[in-house]
């Protein structure tokens, strides 16, 4: 039985599902079979987020129905053959965790997991509507929405106020892409936006929570770096610089605050199926130089898989880990 949670590889290899999905791709989903190679292990459902609106949920539902003779399989039959999230009840019990970028992608997956593991989440994002949607999707859990701009000190002060006098963890997840431009093409506007959100925002929020953590003698900060923070051929100039900066921010803070009981680590994702939009005007020269190396990404992860790495480091399970840059990239960093 094929479901929306069956892997893309299972669909492509199935005698009924294969022709159906290839026909859907030909109708202009934004994908072709060659582009699907790194995501063969992901569930078909993930294509909805990855396509950034080009592939509608109704198309996936139609494929599932047609592959099963016109019937939708029951929900309990929709089990993926791949990785499954496993909730550890009580892992964040009694803890308050601030999470930025919480309205979508990796941030939302992380906020959801911390809340479902009994933590109090202060969910931060520029989009108030999407934060409200997150809270509404988990009505019985402890989620405090804190809409705001992480590059604004006034908004950061309001976030810390909402968290109250106890802050056990901070996940700096909010981020934006650049336009793949090399240095000589990078505009001031692109530089300021990417550095501001990806690096300065995390710096300011970390600076704001560290006194609270220091007073308590405990705390965990997890920054989201990137494969682009480990190498020079993963993205454009501004994004690469911002993520190298995140690595430096992490390591210096880990050294400075480790003796005070505070752990500071970073996760470095590779390709992630979050559907984060790219700027409209991609640098032709930059993309041409980067594309052969980006094509070597061994696999694409889901937001939930990145949340598993982030929550591990945030939680007490990450005890004795400080100053680490954890590649969560399917092995891209060892190529």
Protein backbone atom coordinates (compact mmCIF):
# COMPACT_ATOMS: atom_id res chain seq x y z
CA UNK A 1 0.00 0.00 0.00
CA UNK A 2 1.34 3.41 -0.99
CA UNK A 3 0.62 6.41 1.23
CA UNK A 4 1.79 10.00 1.47
CA UNK A 5 4.34 8.76 4.02
CA UNK A 6 5.77 6.13 1.70
CA UNK A 7 9.21 7.20 0.51
CA UNK A 8 9.69 8.85 -2.87
CA UNK A 9 11.91 5.91 -3.80
CA UNK A 10 9.10 3.46 -3.01
CA UNK A 11 6.75 5.46 -5.22
CA UNK A 12 9.20 5.60 -8.11
CA UNK A 13 9.87 1.85 -7.97
CA UNK A 14 6.23 0.81 -7.60
CA UNK A 15 4.55 -0.56 -10.77
CA UNK A 16 1.46 1.62 -10.19
CA UNK A 17 2.94 4.51 -8.22
CA UNK A 18 5.96 5.01 -10.51
CA UNK A 19 4.01 6.05 -13.62
CA UNK A 20 1.66 8.18 -11.51
CA UNK A 21 4.38 10.22 -9.84
CA UNK A 22 6.33 10.64 -13.09
CA UNK A 23 3.20 11.97 -14.79
CA UNK A 24 2.67 14.41 -11.90
CA UNK A 25 6.28 15.61 -12.21
CA UNK A 26 5.81 16.16 -15.94
CA UNK A 27 2.82 18.41 -15.23
CA UNK A 28 5.08 21.08 -13.75
CA UNK A 29 5.64 20.34 -10.06
CA UNK A 30 9.03 22.05 -10.13
CA UNK A 31 10.85 18.71 -9.86
CA UNK A 32 12.17 16.11 -12.24
CA UNK A 33 13.30 12.60 -11.44
CA UNK A 34 17.00 13.54 -11.50
CA UNK A 35 16.44 16.25 -8.88
CA UNK A 36 14.71 13.72 -6.63
CA UNK A 37 17.83 11.54 -6.24
CA UNK A 38 18.94 13.13 -2.91
CA UNK A 39 15.41 12.92 -1.47
CA UNK A 40 14.46 9.35 -2.40
CA UNK A 41 14.35 8.37 1.28
CA UNK A 42 11.96 11.17 2.24
CA UNK A 43 8.19 10.68 2.34
CA UNK A 44 6.22 11.82 -0.70
CA UNK A 45 4.41 14.29 1.56
CA UNK A 46 7.63 16.27 1.93
CA UNK A 47 7.43 17.43 -1.69
CA UNK A 48 4.60 19.78 -0.75
CA UNK A 49 6.91 21.87 1.46
CA UNK A 50 9.91 21.51 -0.85
CA UNK A 51 8.03 22.72 -3.94
CA UNK A 52 7.21 26.08 -2.31
CA UNK A 53 3.61 25.95 -3.53
CA UNK A 54 4.14 24.40 -6.95
CA UNK A 55 2.94 20.98 -5.78
CA UNK A 56 -0.35 21.24 -3.90
CA UNK A 57 -1.52 18.93 -1.13
CA UNK A 58 -4.47 17.98 -3.33
CA UNK A 59 -2.05 16.53 -5.90
CA UNK A 60 -0.42 14.28 -3.30
CA UNK A 61 -3.83 13.21 -1.99
CA UNK A 62 -4.92 12.44 -5.55
CA UNK A 63 -1.81 10.33 -6.17
CA UNK A 64 -2.41 8.33 -3.00
CA UNK A 65 -6.06 7.78 -3.88
CA UNK A 66 -5.28 6.72 -7.45
CA UNK A 67 -2.49 4.38 -6.36
CA UNK A 68 -4.93 2.60 -4.07
CA UNK A 69 -7.75 2.04 -6.52
CA UNK A 70 -9.65 5.21 -5.70
CA UNK A 71 -9.59 4.70 -1.93
CA UNK A 72 -7.67 6.68 0.67
CA UNK A 73 -5.86 4.33 3.07
CA UNK A 74 -6.73 4.73 6.75
CA UNK A 75 -4.48 7.09 8.73
CA UNK A 76 -3.00 4.27 10.78
CA UNK A 77 -1.78 2.65 7.56
CA UNK A 78 0.26 5.70 6.59
CA UNK A 79 3.54 4.60 8.11
CA UNK A 80 6.86 5.53 6.57
CA UNK A 81 9.47 2.83 6.14
CA UNK A 82 12.18 5.34 7.06
CA UNK A 83 13.12 7.29 10.18
CA UNK A 84 10.35 7.96 12.66
CA UNK A 85 10.37 10.69 15.31
CA UNK A 86 10.29 9.25 18.83
CA UNK A 87 9.11 11.59 21.58
CA UNK A 88 10.89 11.37 24.95
CA UNK A 89 8.19 12.35 27.42
CA UNK A 90 9.41 14.70 30.14
CA UNK A 91 12.78 15.45 28.58
CA UNK A 92 12.17 19.21 28.90
CA UNK A 93 9.88 19.10 31.93
CA UNK A 94 10.27 22.25 34.03
CA UNK A 95 12.42 23.97 31.39
CA UNK A 96 11.77 27.17 29.46
CA UNK A 97 13.29 27.20 25.97
CA UNK A 98 13.36 30.19 23.61
CA UNK A 99 13.24 29.17 19.94
CA UNK A 100 13.62 31.60 17.04
CA UNK A 101 12.27 30.99 13.56
CA UNK A 102 9.56 28.99 15.31
CA UNK A 103 6.79 29.66 12.81
CA UNK A 104 8.12 27.42 10.04
CA UNK A 105 10.67 24.83 8.98
CA UNK A 106 13.33 23.68 11.43
CA UNK A 107 12.24 26.22 14.05
CA UNK A 108 8.64 25.04 14.04
CA UNK A 109 9.69 21.37 14.18
CA UNK A 110 11.98 22.13 17.13
CA UNK A 111 9.35 24.15 18.98
CA UNK A 112 6.82 21.38 18.47
CA UNK A 113 9.19 18.71 19.74
CA UNK A 114 10.25 20.64 22.85
CA UNK A 115 6.60 21.35 23.69
CA UNK A 116 5.59 17.72 23.15
CA UNK A 117 8.45 16.71 25.45
CA UNK A 118 6.86 18.83 28.20
CA UNK A 119 8.93 22.01 27.86
CA UNK A 120 7.64 25.57 28.01
CA UNK A 121 8.38 27.11 24.61
CA UNK A 122 8.80 30.82 23.94
CA UNK A 123 8.23 30.82 20.19
CA UNK A 124 9.82 33.74 18.33
CA UNK A 125 9.24 34.70 14.71
CA UNK A 126 8.60 37.75 12.54
CA UNK A 127 5.23 36.25 11.47
CA UNK A 128 2.60 36.61 14.19
CA UNK A 129 -0.04 34.76 12.15
CA UNK A 130 2.12 31.69 11.70
CA UNK A 131 3.08 31.71 15.39
CA UNK A 132 -0.62 31.73 16.25
CA UNK A 133 -1.07 28.77 13.90
CA UNK A 134 1.71 26.88 15.72
CA UNK A 135 0.10 27.51 19.10
CA UNK A 136 -3.34 26.54 17.77
CA UNK A 137 -1.95 23.26 16.40
CA UNK A 138 -0.78 22.25 19.90
CA UNK A 139 -3.55 23.73 22.08
CA UNK A 140 -2.87 21.70 25.21
CA UNK A 141 0.85 22.46 25.33
CA UNK A 142 2.79 25.35 26.88
CA UNK A 143 3.67 27.66 23.99
CA UNK A 144 4.14 31.38 24.53
CA UNK A 145 4.16 33.29 21.24
CA UNK A 146 6.59 36.21 20.98
CA UNK A 147 6.36 37.86 17.55
CA UNK A 148 9.29 40.11 16.81
CA UNK A 149 12.35 40.98 14.77
CA UNK A 150 15.49 39.40 16.22
CA UNK A 151 17.62 42.20 14.80
CA UNK A 152 15.72 44.71 16.96
CA UNK A 153 16.99 45.14 20.52
CA UNK A 154 13.56 46.34 21.67
CA UNK A 155 11.94 43.16 20.33
CA UNK A 156 14.63 41.00 21.94
CA UNK A 157 13.99 42.70 25.27
CA UNK A 158 10.28 41.83 24.93
CA UNK A 159 11.12 38.19 24.17
CA UNK A 160 13.25 37.90 27.32
CA UNK A 161 10.48 39.57 29.31
CA UNK A 162 7.96 37.02 28.05
CA UNK A 163 10.28 34.19 29.01
CA UNK A 164 10.30 35.36 32.61
CA UNK A 165 13.07 34.96 35.13
CA UNK A 166 13.97 31.39 34.14
CA UNK A 167 15.57 30.61 30.78
CA UNK A 168 17.01 27.12 30.46
CA UNK A 169 17.71 27.02 26.76
CA UNK A 170 17.92 29.05 23.57
CA UNK A 171 17.80 27.75 20.01
CA UNK A 172 18.90 30.38 17.47
CA UNK A 173 17.29 28.90 14.36
CA UNK A 174 15.92 31.86 12.38
CA UNK A 175 17.78 32.33 9.12
CA UNK A 176 17.57 33.43 5.49
CA UNK A 177 19.32 32.49 2.26
CA UNK A 178 21.42 34.74 0.11
CA UNK A 179 21.33 34.99 -3.70
CA UNK A 180 24.46 32.82 -4.25
CA UNK A 181 26.40 35.94 -5.26
CA UNK A 182 30.21 35.98 -5.08
CA UNK A 183 31.82 38.80 -3.12
CA UNK A 184 32.11 41.36 -5.93
CA UNK A 185 28.40 41.01 -6.74
CA UNK A 186 27.07 41.07 -3.16
CA UNK A 187 24.94 44.16 -2.56
CA UNK A 188 24.86 46.10 0.70
CA UNK A 189 21.19 45.19 1.10
CA UNK A 190 21.84 41.44 0.72
CA UNK A 191 24.85 41.57 3.06
CA UNK A 192 23.02 43.55 5.76
CA UNK A 193 19.91 41.35 5.67
CA UNK A 194 21.72 38.00 5.76
CA UNK A 195 24.33 38.99 8.35
CA UNK A 196 21.66 40.72 10.44
CA UNK A 197 19.29 37.77 10.67
CA UNK A 198 21.73 34.85 10.53
CA UNK A 199 24.44 36.22 12.82
CA UNK A 200 23.60 39.48 14.59
CA UNK A 201 20.16 38.30 15.74
CA UNK A 202 21.61 35.22 17.43
CA UNK A 203 24.37 37.32 18.98
CA UNK A 204 21.89 39.81 20.45
CA UNK A 205 19.52 37.19 21.82
CA UNK A 206 22.37 35.14 23.29
CA UNK A 207 23.75 38.28 24.93
CA UNK A 208 20.32 38.92 26.45
CA UNK A 209 19.82 35.44 27.95
CA UNK A 210 23.35 34.75 29.19
CA UNK A 211 23.02 36.84 32.40
CA UNK A 212 19.91 34.83 33.34
CA UNK A 213 21.68 31.53 32.67
CA UNK A 214 24.84 32.65 34.47
CA UNK A 215 22.84 33.57 37.57
CA UNK A 216 21.26 30.11 37.54
CA UNK A 217 24.58 28.35 36.88
CA UNK A 218 23.10 26.34 34.01
CA UNK A 219 21.84 26.69 30.45
CA UNK A 220 22.14 25.44 26.91
CA UNK A 221 22.39 27.49 23.72
CA UNK A 222 22.20 25.83 20.32
CA UNK A 223 22.96 27.86 17.22
CA UNK A 224 22.16 26.77 13.69
CA UNK A 225 25.23 27.07 11.52
CA UNK A 226 25.29 25.31 8.15
CA UNK A 227 27.39 23.21 5.85
CA UNK A 228 28.30 26.70 4.53
CA UNK A 229 29.93 27.36 7.89
CA UNK A 230 32.29 24.44 7.31
CA UNK A 231 33.33 25.06 3.72
CA UNK A 232 33.40 27.75 1.04
CA UNK A 233 31.52 26.04 -1.78
CA UNK A 234 28.05 25.53 -0.31
CA UNK A 235 26.44 28.95 -0.82
CA UNK A 236 27.02 32.59 -1.67
CA UNK A 237 29.31 35.11 -0.01
CA UNK A 238 26.95 36.66 2.55
CA UNK A 239 25.44 33.37 3.71
CA UNK A 240 28.84 31.68 3.96
CA UNK A 241 30.29 34.54 6.00
CA UNK A 242 27.25 34.60 8.28
CA UNK A 243 27.48 30.90 9.04
CA UNK A 244 31.24 30.97 9.58
CA UNK A 245 30.45 33.77 12.04
CA UNK A 246 27.96 31.54 13.83
CA UNK A 247 30.70 28.92 14.26
CA UNK A 248 33.01 31.53 15.81
CA UNK A 249 30.24 32.90 18.02
CA UNK A 250 29.54 29.38 19.26
CA UNK A 251 33.10 28.39 20.03
CA UNK A 252 34.04 31.61 21.80
CA UNK A 253 30.89 31.59 23.94
CA UNK A 254 31.44 27.92 24.81
CA UNK A 255 34.94 28.77 26.02
CA UNK A 256 33.88 31.88 27.94
CA UNK A 257 30.79 30.51 29.68
CA UNK A 258 31.58 26.80 30.12
CA UNK A 259 32.93 27.36 33.65
CA UNK A 260 29.56 28.91 34.57
CA UNK A 261 27.65 25.76 33.69
CA UNK A 262 26.48 26.96 30.27
CA UNK A 263 26.88 24.81 27.17
CA UNK A 264 27.00 26.47 23.72
CA UNK A 265 26.92 24.26 20.64
CA UNK A 266 25.88 24.46 17.01
CA UNK A 267 24.22 22.18 14.49
CA UNK A 268 25.40 22.44 10.89
CA UNK A 269 22.65 21.25 8.53
CA UNK A 270 23.22 20.22 4.95
CA UNK A 271 20.25 20.10 2.61
CA UNK A 272 16.93 20.40 4.45
CA UNK A 273 13.46 20.15 2.95
CA UNK A 274 12.00 23.24 4.59
CA UNK A 275 10.79 25.16 1.55
CA UNK A 276 12.62 28.36 2.59
CA UNK A 277 12.23 30.66 -0.44
CA UNK A 278 15.27 31.85 -2.34
CA UNK A 279 15.60 35.46 -3.51
CA UNK A 280 14.14 36.01 -6.97
CA UNK A 281 17.37 37.20 -8.58
CA UNK A 282 19.91 34.41 -8.20
CA UNK A 283 23.46 35.23 -9.23
CA UNK A 284 24.12 33.43 -12.52
CA UNK A 285 27.88 33.35 -12.01
CA UNK A 286 27.60 32.29 -8.38
CA UNK A 287 25.08 29.54 -9.07
CA UNK A 288 27.11 28.27 -12.00
CA UNK A 289 30.19 27.92 -9.79
CA UNK A 290 28.31 26.37 -6.85
CA UNK A 291 25.95 24.01 -8.65
CA UNK A 292 28.35 21.08 -9.27
CA UNK A 293 29.20 21.01 -5.57
CA UNK A 294 25.61 21.43 -4.37
CA UNK A 295 24.66 18.53 -6.64
CA UNK A 296 26.89 16.31 -4.49
CA UNK A 297 24.60 16.61 -1.44
CA UNK A 298 24.18 12.97 -0.43
CA UNK A 299 20.69 13.33 1.04
CA UNK A 300 18.07 15.88 2.03
CA UNK A 301 16.81 15.87 5.63
CA UNK A 302 13.41 16.80 7.01
CA UNK A 303 12.91 19.62 9.49
CA UNK A 304 11.99 16.99 12.10
CA UNK A 305 15.34 15.24 11.64
CA UNK A 306 17.17 18.52 12.29
CA UNK A 307 14.95 19.12 15.32
CA UNK A 308 16.16 15.76 16.67
CA UNK A 309 19.78 16.96 16.50
CA UNK A 310 18.97 20.38 17.99
CA UNK A 311 16.88 19.07 20.88
CA UNK A 312 19.57 16.52 21.73
CA UNK A 313 22.08 19.33 22.28
CA UNK A 314 19.51 21.53 24.04
CA UNK A 315 18.53 18.81 26.48
CA UNK A 316 20.37 17.24 29.38
CA UNK A 317 21.20 14.37 26.99
CA UNK A 318 23.88 16.72 25.64
CA UNK A 319 25.68 16.83 28.99
CA UNK A 320 29.47 17.16 28.61
CA UNK A 321 29.15 18.51 25.04
CA UNK A 322 30.30 22.11 24.79
CA UNK A 323 31.70 24.03 21.83
CA UNK A 324 30.79 21.31 19.35
CA UNK A 325 29.80 22.00 15.75
CA UNK A 326 27.63 18.99 14.93
CA UNK A 327 27.26 18.33 11.19
CA UNK A 328 23.70 17.07 10.66
CA UNK A 329 24.15 16.74 6.92
CA UNK A 330 23.92 13.08 5.94
CA UNK A 331 27.69 12.91 5.59
CA UNK A 332 28.11 15.85 3.18
CA UNK A 333 30.90 17.32 5.32
CA UNK A 334 33.11 14.25 4.88
CA UNK A 335 33.05 14.38 1.08
